[in-house]
């Protein structure tokens, strides 16, 4: 049985932001009520997965997204329609002033909402991180490589920064591969204030990023584009 619950957020996250946490039973059969809420295209995409666990993640997460959006919009979950931007970030075709983002890894998923401000969320499983850690020189800026983001092992630090960068780029609606080195994620001196995001693109404005609580072996992050863009002068690749 899949379970969904609100996730406690850092104290500086704005009140209009909510994140829901899903615990997924990847061995359970697909639930007919979940499938019934999905569009034909969504069901077809789920059936293209070869592994049952991937189908469960796709169906359960999409069903939960539809149900949560239905509560916020007052519309029927099965009647909601989605569009996507050039990088594939989904949005409601009717707008409705609701921003959302979804991420899943292993047996967990997260769904984040905000009232109008672009939002991004990412969760990653540490399994296999020992291999991807060698990618640090290619995906992290020089400034990032000079300072640890969080205490713990090198893998903990790598995954914390990776999820923060991915959540940020998802909030911006930008491609991950193209812009990984366009931003630097650095620690702040203030406790509980999340991470510092530096970039040199005025059109992106200010971005707030926070680490989120996650089970052992996982890392998660939340990013929110602020209401009033500001120009940041930062040679992030240096």
Foldseek 3Di string as FASTA:
>chain_A
DKDKDWFDDQPPDDPQKTKMKIQADLVDADDPVLVQLDDPVLQVVLVVDPGSSSSRVSSVQLSVVLVVVCVVQVDHSSPWDWDADPLRQIDTPVPQQKEKEKEDEDRMIMIMIGRNWQKFKYKYFLVVLVVCLVCCVVQAAPVQVVDFADDDDSSVRVQQQVQQLRRLCSSVSHDRVVCSQQWHWHDDPDPSQATAIAGADQVQAGKGKHWGDDDPRMTMMMMTRDDDGDGGDDPSND
